[in-house]
């Protein structure tokens, strides 16, 4: 009985039309597009990290310079500190907006 069921099932499978295999060029093309998108995403992530690191380094250098030179001029320290805080907020907003 089981052999008869298997035989009928095999006959039905042999009579139904099968879908053709996808074109090899299309598969390669889609894989190439995906590879390029992943590469672009990696570059974008790296550039975001570089922007953050350089912004922090510039702000620390500017703050250190303001403190070093501001010992002689107390008003300069306050103005420079306020400017650095505003610049930090603006830089963070720009960096986070690009993500």
N, C-alpha and C. Protein backbone atom coordinates (compact mmCIF):
# COMPACT_ATOMS: atom_id res chain seq x y z
N UNK A 1 0.82 -1.20 0.00
CA UNK A 1 0.00 0.00 0.00
C UNK A 1 0.85 1.26 0.00
N UNK A 2 1.91 1.29 0.84
CA UNK A 2 2.79 2.46 0.90
C UNK A 2 3.54 2.67 -0.41
N UNK A 3 3.91 1.58 -1.05
CA UNK A 3 4.63 1.70 -2.31
C UNK A 3 3.74 2.33 -3.39
N UNK A 4 2.46 2.01 -3.34
CA UNK A 4 1.52 2.58 -4.31
C UNK A 4 1.38 4.09 -4.10
N UNK A 5 1.33 4.53 -2.85
CA UNK A 5 1.21 5.96 -2.54
C UNK A 5 2.47 6.70 -3.01
N UNK A 6 3.61 6.11 -2.77
CA UNK A 6 4.86 6.73 -3.18
C UNK A 6 4.94 6.80 -4.70
N UNK A 7 4.52 5.73 -5.38
CA UNK A 7 4.55 5.70 -6.84
C UNK A 7 3.64 6.78 -7.43
N UNK A 8 2.44 6.93 -6.87
CA UNK A 8 1.52 7.97 -7.36
C UNK A 8 2.08 9.37 -7.11
N UNK A 9 2.64 9.55 -5.94
CA UNK A 9 3.21 10.87 -5.62
C UNK A 9 4.35 11.21 -6.56
N UNK A 10 5.19 10.24 -6.88
CA UNK A 10 6.29 10.47 -7.80
C UNK A 10 5.80 10.76 -9.21
N UNK A 11 4.73 10.11 -9.63
CA UNK A 11 4.16 10.38 -10.95
C UNK A 11 3.58 11.80 -11.01
N UNK A 12 2.92 12.21 -9.93
CA UNK A 12 2.36 13.56 -9.90
C UNK A 12 3.47 14.61 -9.93
N UNK A 13 4.54 14.35 -9.20
CA UNK A 13 5.66 15.30 -9.21
C UNK A 13 6.31 15.38 -10.59
N UNK A 14 6.38 14.27 -11.27
CA UNK A 14 7.02 14.29 -12.60
C UNK A 14 6.15 14.99 -13.64
N UNK A 15 4.85 15.07 -13.40
CA UNK A 15 3.95 15.69 -14.36
C UNK A 15 3.77 17.19 -14.12
N UNK A 16 4.04 17.67 -12.91
CA UNK A 16 3.86 19.11 -12.63
C UNK A 16 5.04 19.89 -13.18
N UNK A 17 4.78 21.07 -13.74
CA UNK A 17 5.89 21.88 -14.27
C UNK A 17 6.73 22.46 -13.13
N UNK A 18 8.01 22.47 -13.32
CA UNK A 18 8.93 23.01 -12.31
C UNK A 18 9.32 24.43 -12.70
N UNK A 19 9.55 25.24 -11.69
CA UNK A 19 10.01 26.59 -11.99
C UNK A 19 11.48 26.53 -12.41
N UNK A 20 11.87 27.34 -13.37
CA UNK A 20 13.26 27.31 -13.82
C UNK A 20 14.19 27.91 -12.76
N UNK A 21 15.43 27.51 -12.82
CA UNK A 21 16.42 28.07 -11.91
C UNK A 21 16.65 29.55 -12.25
N UNK A 22 16.94 30.36 -11.24
CA UNK A 22 17.20 31.78 -11.53
C UNK A 22 18.47 31.93 -12.37
N UNK A 23 18.49 32.99 -13.12
CA UNK A 23 19.62 33.28 -13.99
C UNK A 23 20.87 33.57 -13.15
N UNK A 24 21.98 32.98 -13.52
CA UNK A 24 23.23 33.16 -12.78
C UNK A 24 23.72 34.59 -12.79
N UNK A 25 23.53 35.29 -13.92
CA UNK A 25 23.94 36.70 -14.01
C UNK A 25 23.15 37.56 -13.04
N UNK A 26 21.86 37.27 -12.88
CA UNK A 26 21.03 38.03 -11.95
C UNK A 26 21.49 37.81 -10.50
N UNK A 27 21.79 36.57 -10.17
CA UNK A 27 22.27 36.27 -8.81
C UNK A 27 23.57 37.01 -8.55
N UNK A 28 24.50 36.98 -9.51
CA UNK A 28 25.78 37.67 -9.33
C UNK A 28 25.55 39.18 -9.18
N UNK A 29 24.67 39.74 -10.00
CA UNK A 29 24.39 41.17 -9.97
C UNK A 29 23.83 41.59 -8.61
N UNK A 30 22.87 40.81 -8.08
CA UNK A 30 22.30 41.12 -6.77
C UNK A 30 23.35 41.00 -5.66
N UNK A 31 24.21 40.00 -5.76
CA UNK A 31 25.27 39.84 -4.77
C UNK A 31 26.25 41.00 -4.84
N UNK A 32 26.55 41.47 -6.03
CA UNK A 32 27.46 42.61 -6.20
C UNK A 32 26.85 43.88 -5.61
N UNK A 33 25.57 44.10 -5.83
CA UNK A 33 24.90 45.28 -5.26
C UNK A 33 24.95 45.22 -3.74
N UNK A 34 24.67 44.05 -3.19
CA UNK A 34 24.69 43.90 -1.73
C UNK A 34 26.10 44.15 -1.18
N UNK A 35 27.12 43.62 -1.87
CA UNK A 35 28.50 43.81 -1.42
C UNK A 35 28.86 45.29 -1.40
N UNK A 36 28.45 46.01 -2.45
CA UNK A 36 28.75 47.44 -2.52
C UNK A 36 28.01 48.23 -1.43
N UNK A 37 26.77 47.86 -1.16
CA UNK A 37 26.01 48.54 -0.12
C UNK A 37 26.64 48.32 1.25
N UNK A 38 27.08 47.09 1.51
CA UNK A 38 27.73 46.80 2.79
C UNK A 38 29.05 47.56 2.91
N UNK A 39 29.80 47.66 1.82
CA UNK A 39 31.05 48.41 1.84
C UNK A 39 30.78 49.89 2.11
N UNK A 40 29.76 50.44 1.47
CA UNK A 40 29.41 51.85 1.69
C UNK A 40 28.97 52.08 3.12
N UNK A 41 28.26 51.13 3.69
CA UNK A 41 27.83 51.26 5.08
C UNK A 41 29.03 51.22 6.03
N UNK A 42 29.99 50.35 5.77
CA UNK A 42 31.20 50.29 6.61
C UNK A 42 31.97 51.61 6.54
N UNK A 43 32.10 52.17 5.35
CA UNK A 43 32.80 53.45 5.19
C UNK A 43 32.06 54.55 5.93
N UNK A 44 30.74 54.56 5.84
CA UNK A 44 29.94 55.57 6.51
C UNK A 44 30.11 55.49 8.03
N UNK A 45 30.10 54.28 8.56
CA UNK A 45 30.30 54.11 10.01
C UNK A 45 31.69 54.57 10.43
N UNK A 46 32.69 54.26 9.63
CA UNK A 46 34.06 54.68 9.95
C UNK A 46 34.18 56.20 9.92
N UNK A 47 33.57 56.83 8.91
CA UNK A 47 33.64 58.29 8.83
C UNK A 47 32.91 58.95 10.00
N UNK A 48 31.83 58.36 10.46
CA UNK A 48 31.13 58.91 11.62
C UNK A 48 32.04 58.86 12.84
N UNK A 49 32.72 57.74 13.03
CA UNK A 49 33.66 57.62 14.17
C UNK A 49 34.79 58.64 14.06
N UNK A 50 35.31 58.82 12.84
CA UNK A 50 36.39 59.79 12.64
C UNK A 50 35.91 61.21 12.96
N UNK A 51 34.69 61.55 12.52
CA UNK A 51 34.14 62.89 12.82
C UNK A 51 34.01 63.10 14.32
N UNK A 52 33.55 62.07 15.04
CA UNK A 52 33.38 62.20 16.49
C UNK A 52 34.74 62.38 17.16
N UNK A 53 35.71 61.56 16.80
CA UNK A 53 37.04 61.63 17.43
C UNK A 53 37.72 62.96 17.14
N UNK A 54 37.66 63.42 15.89
CA UNK A 54 38.31 64.69 15.57
C UNK A 54 37.60 65.88 16.23
N UNK A 55 36.28 65.80 16.35
CA UNK A 55 35.55 66.88 17.02
C UNK A 55 35.92 66.94 18.49
N UNK A 56 35.99 65.78 19.14
CA UNK A 56 36.38 65.75 20.56
C UNK A 56 37.81 66.24 20.74
N UNK A 57 38.71 65.82 19.86
CA UNK A 57 40.11 66.26 19.96
C UNK A 57 40.23 67.77 19.78
N UNK A 58 39.50 68.32 18.82
CA UNK A 58 39.55 69.77 18.58
C UNK A 58 38.98 70.53 19.78
N UNK A 59 37.89 70.03 20.33
CA UNK A 59 37.29 70.71 21.48
C UNK A 59 38.19 70.63 22.71
N UNK A 60 38.82 69.49 22.93
CA UNK A 60 39.75 69.38 24.06
C UNK A 60 40.97 70.29 23.87
N UNK A 61 41.47 70.35 22.65
CA UNK A 61 42.62 71.23 22.38
C UNK A 61 42.21 72.69 22.58
N UNK A 62 41.04 73.06 22.09
CA UNK A 62 40.57 74.43 22.27
C UNK A 62 40.34 74.76 23.74
N UNK A 63 39.78 73.83 24.48
CA UNK A 63 39.57 74.05 25.91
C UNK A 63 40.89 74.16 26.66
N UNK A 64 41.83 73.30 26.32
CA UNK A 64 43.15 73.38 26.97
C UNK A 64 43.85 74.69 26.67
N UNK A 65 43.76 75.15 25.43
CA UNK A 65 44.36 76.43 25.05
C UNK A 65 43.69 77.58 25.79
N UNK A 66 42.36 77.51 25.91
CA UNK A 66 41.64 78.58 26.61
C UNK A 66 42.01 78.63 28.08
N UNK A 67 42.14 77.47 28.69
CA UNK A 67 42.51 77.44 30.12
C UNK A 67 43.95 77.92 30.29
N UNK A 68 44.83 77.49 29.40
CA UNK A 68 46.23 77.87 29.50
C UNK A 68 46.39 79.38 29.33
N UNK A 69 45.75 79.94 28.31
CA UNK A 69 45.86 81.37 28.06
C UNK A 69 44.92 82.18 28.95
N UNK A 70 43.88 81.56 29.48
CA UNK A 70 42.88 82.27 30.25
C UNK A 70 43.29 82.58 31.67
N UNK A 71 44.39 82.03 32.14
CA UNK A 71 44.84 82.33 33.50
C UNK A 71 45.15 83.81 33.66
N UNK A 72 45.63 84.42 32.60
CA UNK A 72 45.95 85.85 32.65
C UNK A 72 44.70 86.70 32.46
N UNK A 73 43.71 86.19 31.73
CA UNK A 73 42.49 86.94 31.44
C UNK A 73 41.27 86.11 31.86
N UNK A 74 40.73 86.29 33.08
CA UNK A 74 39.63 85.46 33.57
C UNK A 74 38.38 85.57 32.69
N UNK A 75 38.12 86.72 32.11
CA UNK A 75 36.95 86.87 31.24
C UNK A 75 37.06 86.01 30.00
N UNK A 76 38.28 85.85 29.49
CA UNK A 76 38.51 85.03 28.30
C UNK A 76 38.14 83.58 28.57
N UNK A 77 38.44 83.10 29.76
CA UNK A 77 38.12 81.72 30.11
C UNK A 77 36.62 81.48 30.07
N UNK A 78 35.85 82.42 30.63
CA UNK A 78 34.39 82.25 30.63
C UNK A 78 33.83 82.28 29.21
N UNK A 79 34.26 83.26 28.43
CA UNK A 79 33.75 83.38 27.06
C UNK A 79 34.15 82.16 26.23
N UNK A 80 35.38 81.73 26.37
CA UNK A 80 35.85 80.58 25.61
C UNK A 80 35.12 79.31 26.04
N UNK A 81 34.90 79.15 27.34
CA UNK A 81 34.19 77.97 27.82
C UNK A 81 32.76 77.95 27.29
N UNK A 82 32.09 79.08 27.32
CA UNK A 82 30.73 79.15 26.79
C UNK A 82 30.73 78.85 25.29
N UNK A 83 31.69 79.38 24.58
CA UNK A 83 31.80 79.11 23.15
C UNK A 83 32.06 77.64 22.86
N UNK A 84 32.93 77.02 23.68
CA UNK A 84 33.22 75.60 23.49
C UNK A 84 31.98 74.74 23.77
N UNK A 85 31.21 75.11 24.77
CA UNK A 85 29.98 74.36 25.05
C UNK A 85 29.00 74.47 23.89
N UNK A 86 28.86 75.65 23.35
CA UNK A 86 27.97 75.83 22.18
C UNK A 86 28.50 75.05 20.98
N UNK A 87 29.80 75.12 20.77
CA UNK A 87 30.39 74.38 19.64
C UNK A 87 30.23 72.87 19.84
N UNK A 88 30.37 72.40 21.07
CA UNK A 88 30.19 70.97 21.35
C UNK A 88 28.77 70.55 21.04
N UNK A 89 27.80 71.33 21.49
CA UNK A 89 26.40 71.01 21.22
C UNK A 89 26.12 71.00 19.72
N UNK A 90 26.67 71.97 19.00
CA UNK A 90 26.45 72.03 17.56
C UNK A 90 27.11 70.85 16.85
N UNK A 91 28.34 70.52 17.27
CA UNK A 91 29.05 69.40 16.64
C UNK A 91 28.33 68.08 16.88
N UNK A 92 27.87 67.88 18.11
CA UNK A 92 27.15 66.64 18.40
C UNK A 92 25.85 66.56 17.61
N UNK A 93 25.19 67.68 17.46
CA UNK A 93 23.94 67.68 16.69
C UNK A 93 24.20 67.32 15.24
N UNK A 94 25.27 67.87 14.67
CA UNK A 94 25.59 67.59 13.28
C UNK A 94 25.97 66.12 13.11
N UNK A 95 26.79 65.60 14.02
CA UNK A 95 27.24 64.22 13.92
C UNK A 95 26.05 63.26 14.08
N UNK A 96 25.23 63.53 15.07
CA UNK A 96 24.10 62.63 15.31
C UNK A 96 23.03 62.74 14.21
N UNK A 97 22.92 63.91 13.59
CA UNK A 97 21.94 64.07 12.52
C UNK A 97 22.35 63.30 11.28
N UNK A 98 23.64 63.09 11.06
CA UNK A 98 24.11 62.38 9.86
C UNK A 98 24.00 60.88 10.00
N UNK A 99 23.77 60.36 11.20
CA UNK A 99 23.67 58.92 11.39
C UNK A 99 22.37 58.37 10.96
